[in-house]
Amino acid sequence: MRSVDEQLARVLTAAVRPAPVRVAISEAQGLLCAEEVVAERALPGFDQAAVDGYAVRSVDVQSAAEESVVLPVVGEIPAGSRQPRRLQPGQAVRVATGAPLPTLADAVVPLGYTDEHPAKITVEQPVPSAAFVRRTGEDVQTGDVAVRRGAPIGSAQVGLLAAVGRDKVLVHPRPRVSIISLGDELVDVDRTPGQGQVYDVNSYALSAAARDAGAEVTRVGIASNDPRRLREVVEGRLLLSEIVVIAGGVGGAAGGDVRSALADLGSLDDDRVAMQPGSVQSFGRLGPDEIPTFVLPGNPVSALVVFEVLVRPLIRSALGKENPHRRSVSAELLSPITATKARRGFLRGQLLRDPKNGSYLVQPLGTSGSHLLASLAEANCLIVVDEDITEVAAGEDVQVRFLSQRS
């Protein structure tokens, strides 16, 4: 039986990172930047008014602290104006927020500092040089790195790319993940199950989990157990995927049939992994490109837990994330738990904050039954119990792994 850490190390060494691609900045959100984006122009690109007011020479209003200063208003510059203007000593020009400053102006007097007379303003307060002015290159200078290689691209990065005039950017694309379900008992959710049949949960749940991890997902749905047809489906997906996930057909005779059907595409191991739930699983690299391929348990809870522990980190690694793992914290256990000896336990839990001191508390949910999907849907964390521990009393600290989308 292989440990979880050993299996995870094997999985992560198989990461296939897609080659960087250039995409429109509107499509780059959530991806990692694959280049150093150097600004080819300053931001702002010109001295501009930061408020509605009057462009002036600051020396002309220095004495306003002792006595009001009267300046003639010799024009107006709206935002977006392309008409150059020159300010003479002792003059003011009305400017809108974002408007370019006239030559010689080094400050803006806000409207509230004046009487707003249309022909000649009375300035009641002085302003220093550069007051209420956005200086050229104040945010980004020409030649500065605006977005660094490896930086996650969020809304601020998209805005900065637009601000420096970039309409496209090189990114690490989302890895393509194909999700396949196996099982003669399965029917799709648009059909009514007959005697002994159940809905195909895995292809929907695992597709959602892969999408949440950042992948581009193809939900293949239910594949035939016929060896020839199964091989054709998997072989086709290997050409279009960086990761293939098959749910079902992993243990006993069914597992042997799946491995046999895919044998000429590569090797799938059948070693058990020391975890609960989900110890029965397979992993290998199939096809000429050695695409990482998982065969997960048919039980939806077990499949989702194995996905969380092993497949999700592979997706995050393929995305270029330096740390592909979920955040984990220590929390005080509110109810006692038991775990299977010699296996790392992953129990469903509800993570809470102590209102008194803000420390973490965790309430186990349901029983350890791997078939209880409702408790997993309610959980926001997994309680991780080491292999050498079989019981944990209430009040003791345990490690918990976040399950929320933001973690």
Protein backbone atom coordinates (compact mmCIF):
# COMPACT_ATOMS: atom_id res chain seq x y z
CA MET A 1 0.00 0.00 0.00
CA ARG A 2 1.44 3.35 -1.08
CA SER A 3 1.25 6.38 1.23
CA VAL A 4 -0.69 9.49 0.25
CA ASP A 5 2.53 11.51 0.11
CA GLU A 6 4.19 8.95 -2.18
CA GLN A 7 1.17 8.88 -4.50
CA LEU A 8 0.97 12.67 -4.58
CA ALA A 9 4.65 12.92 -5.47
CA ARG A 10 4.12 10.49 -8.36
CA VAL A 11 1.13 12.48 -9.56
CA LEU A 12 2.83 15.89 -9.43
CA THR A 13 5.87 14.68 -11.38
CA ALA A 14 3.44 13.85 -14.21
CA ALA A 15 2.14 17.41 -14.56
CA VAL A 16 1.81 18.45 -18.19
CA ARG A 17 1.84 22.23 -18.42
CA PRO A 18 0.33 23.50 -21.66
CA ALA A 19 2.53 25.83 -23.70
CA PRO A 20 1.84 29.53 -23.04
CA VAL A 21 -0.66 31.18 -25.37
CA ARG A 22 -1.43 34.80 -26.16
CA VAL A 23 -5.00 35.77 -25.33
CA ALA A 24 -7.10 38.92 -25.21
CA ILE A 25 -6.81 40.58 -21.82
CA SER A 26 -10.55 40.07 -21.34
CA GLU A 27 -9.89 36.31 -21.42
CA ALA A 28 -6.83 36.35 -19.13
CA GLN A 29 -8.54 36.67 -15.76
CA GLY A 30 -7.70 33.84 -13.38
CA LEU A 31 -4.61 32.72 -15.32
CA LEU A 32 -0.90 33.23 -14.62
CA CYS A 33 1.06 35.72 -16.68
CA ALA A 34 3.74 33.98 -18.77
CA GLU A 35 5.76 37.07 -19.69
CA GLU A 36 7.23 40.23 -18.23
CA VAL A 37 4.86 42.93 -19.47
CA VAL A 38 7.02 46.02 -19.95
CA ALA A 39 5.21 49.34 -20.24
CA GLU A 40 5.88 51.01 -23.56
CA ARG A 41 4.32 54.24 -22.35
CA ALA A 42 4.05 56.06 -19.07
CA LEU A 43 0.96 55.93 -16.89
CA PRO A 44 -0.44 58.57 -16.75
CA GLY A 45 0.79 59.52 -20.19
CA PHE A 46 0.58 63.27 -19.48
CA ASP A 47 0.16 65.66 -16.55
CA GLN A 48 -3.54 65.75 -15.81
CA ALA A 49 -5.98 67.27 -13.35
CA ALA A 50 -6.92 65.01 -10.45
CA VAL A 51 -10.05 67.09 -9.61
CA ASP A 52 -12.35 69.61 -11.25
CA GLY A 53 -10.80 73.00 -10.72
CA TYR A 54 -8.40 75.57 -12.18
CA ALA A 55 -4.92 74.92 -13.55
CA VAL A 56 -2.49 77.52 -12.19
CA ARG A 57 1.13 78.20 -11.42
CA SER A 58 1.45 77.47 -7.71
CA VAL A 59 3.61 80.57 -7.21
CA ASP A 60 0.68 82.71 -8.33
CA VAL A 61 -1.53 81.55 -5.44
CA GLN A 62 1.08 81.31 -2.65
CA SER A 63 -0.18 84.48 -0.96
CA ALA A 64 -3.79 83.22 -0.78
CA ALA A 65 -3.14 82.10 2.79
CA GLU A 66 -2.95 85.77 3.89
CA GLU A 67 -5.11 87.46 1.27
CA SER A 68 -7.43 86.28 -1.50
CA VAL A 69 -5.84 86.08 -4.95
CA VAL A 70 -7.81 87.04 -8.06
CA LEU A 71 -6.85 85.41 -11.39
CA PRO A 72 -8.46 85.79 -14.81
CA VAL A 73 -9.92 82.61 -16.32
CA VAL A 74 -8.59 82.45 -19.88
CA GLY A 75 -10.23 79.24 -21.08
CA GLU A 76 -11.44 75.76 -20.29
CA ILE A 77 -9.95 72.31 -20.96
CA PRO A 78 -12.32 69.29 -20.88
CA ALA A 79 -11.18 65.71 -20.35
CA GLY A 80 -9.99 64.23 -23.62
CA SER A 81 -8.92 67.55 -25.09
CA ARG A 82 -6.15 67.28 -27.69
CA GLN A 83 -5.71 71.03 -28.16
CA PRO A 84 -2.41 72.19 -26.59
CA ARG A 85 -2.62 75.29 -24.42
CA ARG A 86 -0.08 77.52 -22.70
CA LEU A 87 -0.70 79.25 -19.41
CA GLN A 88 0.75 82.71 -18.87
CA PRO A 89 1.85 83.95 -15.44
CA GLY A 90 -1.04 85.25 -13.36
CA GLN A 91 -3.70 83.29 -15.28
CA ALA A 92 -5.99 80.30 -14.61
CA VAL A 93 -7.61 77.76 -16.91
CA ARG A 94 -10.64 75.78 -15.83
CA VAL A 95 -9.98 72.05 -16.09
CA ALA A 96 -12.08 68.90 -15.69
CA THR A 97 -10.87 65.80 -13.88
CA GLY A 98 -8.52 63.94 -16.24
CA ALA A 99 -7.93 66.95 -18.49
CA PRO A 100 -4.36 67.64 -19.64
CA LEU A 101 -2.72 70.58 -17.89
CA PRO A 102 -1.65 73.56 -19.98
CA THR A 103 2.04 74.28 -20.34
CA LEU A 104 3.57 76.04 -17.26
CA ALA A 105 0.72 74.94 -14.95
CA ASP A 106 2.03 72.87 -12.04
CA ALA A 107 -1.02 72.67 -9.75
CA VAL A 108 -4.82 72.61 -9.73
CA VAL A 109 -6.93 74.73 -7.41
CA PRO A 110 -10.10 72.73 -6.57
CA LEU A 111 -13.43 74.41 -7.23
CA GLY A 112 -14.12 74.53 -3.51
CA TYR A 113 -11.10 76.78 -2.94
CA THR A 114 -12.64 79.47 -5.21
CA ASP A 115 -15.81 81.41 -5.90
CA GLU A 116 -16.08 79.72 -9.35
CA HIS A 117 -16.55 83.02 -11.17
CA PRO A 118 -16.64 82.34 -14.96
CA ALA A 119 -14.30 85.23 -15.89
CA LYS A 120 -12.05 85.78 -12.87
CA ILE A 121 -11.75 83.54 -9.85
CA THR A 122 -11.02 84.48 -6.28
CA VAL A 123 -8.69 81.90 -4.73
CA GLU A 124 -9.09 81.57 -0.95
CA GLN A 125 -6.45 78.89 -0.25
CA PRO A 126 -2.95 78.33 -1.65
CA VAL A 127 -1.89 75.03 -3.25
CA PRO A 128 1.68 73.71 -3.45
CA SER A 129 3.35 72.54 -6.65
CA ALA A 130 1.91 69.22 -7.94
CA ALA A 131 -1.21 69.57 -5.77
CA PHE A 132 -4.24 67.80 -7.27
CA VAL A 133 -2.18 66.78 -10.30
CA ARG A 134 -1.54 63.28 -11.67
CA ARG A 135 2.04 63.52 -12.88
CA THR A 136 3.30 61.81 -16.04
CA GLY A 137 4.62 58.34 -15.10
CA GLU A 138 3.49 58.69 -11.50
CA ASP A 139 1.95 55.20 -11.64
CA VAL A 140 4.13 53.43 -14.21
CA GLN A 141 7.23 54.73 -16.02
CA THR A 142 8.13 53.75 -19.56
CA GLY A 143 10.24 50.58 -19.29
CA ASP A 144 8.78 49.52 -15.93
CA VAL A 145 7.46 45.97 -15.55
CA ALA A 146 3.70 46.45 -15.29
CA VAL A 147 2.79 42.77 -14.74
CA ARG A 148 5.44 40.24 -13.79
CA ARG A 149 5.85 36.72 -15.15
CA GLY A 150 4.07 34.28 -12.84
CA ALA A 151 1.69 36.88 -11.41
CA PRO A 152 -1.98 35.85 -11.14
CA ILE A 153 -4.08 38.00 -13.45
CA GLY A 154 -7.03 39.48 -11.60
CA SER A 155 -9.20 42.51 -12.23
CA ALA A 156 -6.45 44.96 -11.21
CA GLN A 157 -3.93 43.32 -13.55
CA VAL A 158 -6.43 43.37 -16.42
CA GLY A 159 -6.99 47.06 -15.75
CA LEU A 160 -3.26 47.77 -15.66
CA LEU A 161 -2.70 45.90 -18.92
CA ALA A 162 -5.38 48.02 -20.54
CA ALA A 163 -3.92 51.18 -19.02
CA VAL A 164 -0.50 50.55 -20.60
CA GLY A 165 -2.07 49.78 -23.97
CA ARG A 166 -1.87 45.98 -24.04
CA ASP A 167 -4.82 44.24 -25.68
CA LYS A 168 -3.25 40.76 -25.44
CA VAL A 169 -0.99 38.99 -22.98
CA LEU A 170 0.93 35.71 -22.85
CA VAL A 171 -0.55 33.37 -20.22
CA HIS A 172 -0.35 29.82 -18.98
CA PRO A 173 -3.64 28.38 -20.30
CA ARG A 174 -6.03 26.26 -18.33
CA PRO A 175 -5.18 22.55 -18.54
CA ARG A 176 -7.79 20.54 -20.41
CA VAL A 177 -9.42 17.87 -18.26
CA SER A 178 -11.74 15.14 -19.54
CA ILE A 179 -14.17 13.47 -17.11
CA ILE A 180 -15.56 10.00 -17.93
CA SER A 181 -18.00 7.88 -15.91
CA LEU A 182 -18.13 4.08 -16.03
CA GLY A 183 -20.82 1.73 -14.75
CA ASP A 184 -23.61 -0.39 -16.25
CA GLU A 185 -25.88 0.89 -13.47
CA LEU A 186 -25.56 4.54 -14.49
CA VAL A 187 -28.12 6.69 -16.29
CA ASP A 188 -27.91 10.39 -17.10
CA VAL A 189 -29.90 12.85 -15.04
CA ASP A 190 -32.38 13.47 -17.86
CA ARG A 191 -33.63 9.86 -17.64
CA THR A 192 -35.59 7.98 -15.00
CA PRO A 193 -33.55 5.23 -13.31
CA GLY A 194 -34.89 1.71 -13.64
CA GLN A 195 -34.55 -1.11 -11.16
CA GLY A 196 -30.97 -1.21 -9.89
CA GLN A 197 -29.95 1.95 -11.74
CA VAL A 198 -28.60 5.20 -10.30
CA TYR A 199 -27.90 8.64 -11.68
CA ASP A 200 -24.47 9.49 -13.01
CA VAL A 201 -23.25 11.79 -10.24
CA ASN A 202 -19.52 11.58 -10.84
CA SER A 203 -19.23 13.16 -14.26
CA TYR A 204 -21.15 16.21 -13.03
CA ALA A 205 -19.51 16.50 -9.61
CA LEU A 206 -15.96 15.92 -10.85
CA SER A 207 -16.44 18.31 -13.76
CA ALA A 208 -17.50 20.99 -11.29
CA ALA A 209 -14.49 20.22 -9.08
CA ALA A 210 -12.10 20.43 -12.04
CA ARG A 211 -13.64 23.69 -13.17
CA ASP A 212 -13.33 25.09 -9.65
CA ALA A 213 -9.65 24.12 -9.69
CA GLY A 214 -9.17 26.22 -12.82
CA ALA A 215 -9.32 23.63 -15.61
CA GLU A 216 -11.01 23.73 -18.98
CA VAL A 217 -13.38 20.78 -18.62
CA THR A 218 -15.02 18.35 -21.03
CA ARG A 219 -17.67 16.21 -19.36
CA VAL A 220 -17.67 13.12 -21.58
CA GLY A 221 -20.40 11.50 -19.49
CA ILE A 222 -21.11 7.78 -19.35
CA ALA A 223 -18.81 5.60 -21.43
CA SER A 224 -19.47 2.01 -22.45
CA ASN A 225 -17.85 -0.80 -20.49
CA ASP A 226 -17.18 -2.60 -23.78
CA PRO A 227 -13.34 -2.80 -23.91
CA ARG A 228 -13.03 -1.70 -27.54
CA ARG A 229 -15.40 1.23 -27.21
CA LEU A 230 -13.91 2.32 -23.88
CA ARG A 231 -10.45 2.29 -25.41
CA GLU A 232 -11.64 4.42 -28.33
CA VAL A 233 -13.19 6.99 -26.01
CA VAL A 234 -10.12 7.24 -23.78
CA GLU A 235 -7.72 7.31 -26.72
CA GLY A 236 -9.67 10.17 -28.25
CA ARG A 237 -9.62 12.18 -25.02
CA LEU A 238 -5.86 11.64 -24.58
CA LEU A 239 -5.31 13.62 -27.77
CA LEU A 240 -7.33 16.56 -26.42
CA SER A 241 -6.45 16.62 -22.72
CA GLU A 242 -3.68 17.29 -20.26
CA ILE A 243 -5.50 15.17 -17.64
CA VAL A 244 -8.04 12.35 -18.00
CA VAL A 245 -10.23 11.25 -15.08
CA ILE A 246 -12.27 8.04 -15.20
CA ALA A 247 -14.74 7.44 -12.36
CA GLY A 248 -15.79 3.85 -11.71
CA GLY A 249 -14.37 0.49 -12.73
CA VAL A 250 -11.43 0.65 -10.35
CA GLY A 251 -11.71 -2.33 -8.00
CA GLY A 252 -11.97 -6.09 -8.37
CA ALA A 253 -12.79 -7.64 -11.72
CA ALA A 254 -14.08 -4.33 -13.11
CA GLY A 255 -10.75 -2.69 -12.37
CA GLY A 256 -8.91 -5.50 -14.11
CA ASP A 257 -11.17 -5.13 -17.14
CA VAL A 258 -10.46 -1.39 -17.38
CA ARG A 259 -6.70 -1.86 -17.07
CA SER A 260 -6.82 -4.61 -19.67
CA ALA A 261 -8.87 -2.49 -22.08
CA LEU A 262 -6.37 0.37 -21.82
CA ALA A 263 -3.20 -1.74 -21.57
CA ASP A 264 -1.87 -0.89 -25.03
CA LEU A 265 -2.21 2.84 -24.24
CA GLY A 266 0.07 2.60 -21.21
CA SER A 267 0.24 1.27 -17.68
CA LEU A 268 -2.23 1.95 -14.88
CA ASP A 269 -1.06 0.87 -11.43
CA ASP A 270 -3.36 -1.03 -9.11
CA ASP A 271 -1.60 -0.31 -5.80
CA ARG A 272 -3.84 0.79 -2.99
CA VAL A 273 -3.24 4.20 -1.43
CA ALA A 274 -3.26 4.52 2.36
CA MET A 275 -6.20 6.91 2.60
CA GLN A 276 -9.81 6.72 3.73
CA PRO A 277 -12.03 7.09 1.77
CA GLY A 278 -10.67 6.26 -1.68
CA SER A 279 -7.89 3.75 -1.07
CA VAL A 280 -8.84 1.81 -4.20
CA GLN A 281 -7.74 3.87 -7.19
CA SER A 282 -5.43 3.75 -10.20
CA PHE A 283 -3.03 6.19 -11.79
CA GLY A 284 -0.76 6.09 -14.81
CA ARG A 285 0.39 7.89 -17.94
CA LEU A 286 -1.36 6.88 -21.12
CA GLY A 287 -0.91 7.62 -24.80
CA PRO A 288 2.14 8.79 -26.76
CA ASP A 289 2.23 12.03 -24.72
CA GLU A 290 2.00 10.16 -21.41
CA ILE A 291 -1.10 12.01 -20.26
CA PRO A 292 -1.77 11.65 -16.50
CA THR A 293 -4.83 9.42 -16.19
CA PHE A 294 -6.76 8.62 -13.01
CA VAL A 295 -9.29 5.89 -12.34
CA LEU A 296 -11.26 6.92 -9.27
CA PRO A 297 -13.77 5.04 -7.14
CA GLY A 298 -17.34 4.91 -8.42
CA ASN A 299 -18.64 6.14 -5.07
CA PRO A 300 -19.14 9.91 -5.49
CA VAL A 301 -17.82 10.91 -2.06
CA SER A 302 -14.72 8.76 -2.44
CA ALA A 303 -14.20 10.06 -5.97
CA LEU A 304 -14.47 13.69 -4.83
CA VAL A 305 -12.09 13.17 -1.91
CA VAL A 306 -9.48 11.49 -4.11
CA PHE A 307 -9.92 14.28 -6.63
CA GLU A 308 -9.40 16.88 -3.89
CA VAL A 309 -6.28 15.17 -2.52
CA LEU A 310 -4.56 14.13 -5.76
CA VAL A 311 -6.16 15.52 -8.93
CA ARG A 312 -6.74 19.10 -7.86
CA PRO A 313 -3.06 19.70 -6.94
CA LEU A 314 -2.09 18.36 -10.39
CA ILE A 315 -4.45 20.84 -12.09
CA ARG A 316 -3.08 23.70 -10.00
CA SER A 317 0.47 22.65 -10.80
CA ALA A 318 -0.35 22.52 -14.51
CA LEU A 319 -1.71 26.06 -14.18
CA GLY A 320 1.73 27.15 -13.01
CA LYS A 321 0.90 27.62 -9.33
CA GLU A 322 3.97 27.46 -7.09
CA ASN A 323 1.89 26.06 -4.24
CA PRO A 324 -0.84 23.82 -5.70
CA HIS A 325 -2.33 22.87 -2.34
CA ARG A 326 -5.32 24.17 -0.44
CA ARG A 327 -4.83 26.27 2.65
CA SER A 328 -4.85 24.29 5.89
CA VAL A 329 -5.13 25.40 9.52
CA SER A 330 -5.19 23.88 12.97
CA ALA A 331 -8.62 23.74 14.62
CA GLU A 332 -10.10 22.50 17.89
CA LEU A 333 -12.29 19.44 17.43
CA LEU A 334 -15.83 19.85 18.80
CA SER A 335 -16.81 16.16 18.69
CA PRO A 336 -14.70 12.99 18.90
CA ILE A 337 -13.75 11.17 15.71
CA THR A 338 -12.35 7.78 14.75
CA ALA A 339 -10.24 6.86 11.75
CA THR A 340 -9.03 3.69 10.04
CA LYS A 341 -5.68 2.43 11.25
CA ALA A 342 -2.71 2.84 8.89
CA ARG A 343 -4.66 5.12 6.55
CA ARG A 344 -4.75 8.90 6.38
CA GLY A 345 -8.31 9.93 7.09
CA PHE A 346 -10.14 12.72 5.28
CA LEU A 347 -13.34 13.40 7.21
CA ARG A 348 -15.98 15.95 6.32
CA GLY A 349 -16.23 18.93 8.65
CA GLN A 350 -17.71 22.38 9.22
CA LEU A 351 -15.02 24.93 10.06
CA LEU A 352 -16.09 27.69 12.46
CA ARG A 353 -14.52 30.65 14.27
CA ASP A 354 -14.65 30.97 18.04
CA PRO A 355 -16.54 34.24 18.70
CA LYS A 356 -14.50 34.80 21.87
CA ASN A 357 -10.95 34.69 20.50
CA GLY A 358 -11.27 34.08 16.76
CA SER A 359 -9.57 30.68 16.87
CA TYR A 360 -10.71 27.88 14.55
CA LEU A 361 -13.18 25.21 15.62
CA VAL A 362 -14.28 22.23 13.56
CA GLN A 363 -17.42 20.11 13.81
CA PRO A 364 -17.30 16.67 12.15
CA LEU A 365 -20.28 16.03 9.88
CA GLY A 366 -22.19 12.77 9.64
CA THR A 367 -20.44 9.45 9.98
CA SER A 368 -17.40 8.14 8.19
CA GLY A 369 -19.60 6.40 5.60
CA SER A 370 -18.15 7.09 2.16
CA HIS A 371 -21.60 7.04 0.56
CA LEU A 372 -22.95 10.07 2.44
CA LEU A 373 -22.88 12.77 -0.22
CA ALA A 374 -25.16 15.20 1.66
CA SER A 375 -22.62 15.69 4.46
CA LEU A 376 -19.90 16.45 1.91
CA ALA A 377 -22.15 19.06 0.32
CA GLU A 378 -22.52 20.69 3.74
CA ALA A 379 -18.80 20.52 4.54
CA ASN A 380 -16.44 23.43 4.06
CA CYS A 381 -13.31 21.53 5.06
CA LEU A 382 -11.72 18.10 5.34
CA ILE A 383 -10.40 16.99 8.71
CA VAL A 384 -7.05 15.29 8.09
CA VAL A 385 -6.14 12.47 10.48
CA ASP A 386 -2.63 10.99 10.27
CA GLU A 387 -2.09 7.31 9.55
CA ASP A 388 -0.92 6.48 13.07
CA ILE A 389 -4.02 7.93 14.77
CA THR A 390 -7.31 6.06 15.15
CA GLU A 391 -9.12 8.26 17.68
CA VAL A 392 -9.18 11.97 18.41
CA ALA A 393 -11.04 13.32 21.44
CA ALA A 394 -13.13 16.48 21.51
CA GLY A 395 -11.02 19.48 22.49
CA GLU A 396 -7.88 18.25 20.74
CA ASP A 397 -6.40 20.08 17.77
CA VAL A 398 -6.56 18.62 14.27
CA GLN A 399 -5.43 19.80 10.84
CA VAL A 400 -8.19 20.83 8.49
CA ARG A 401 -8.04 21.58 4.78
CA PHE A 402 -10.30 24.30 3.34
CA LEU A 403 -12.80 23.30 0.66
CA SER A 404 -14.28 26.73 -0.13
CA GLN A 405 -13.69 28.13 -3.62
CA ARG A 406 -11.73 31.10 -2.32
CA SER A 407 -9.10 28.93 -0.58
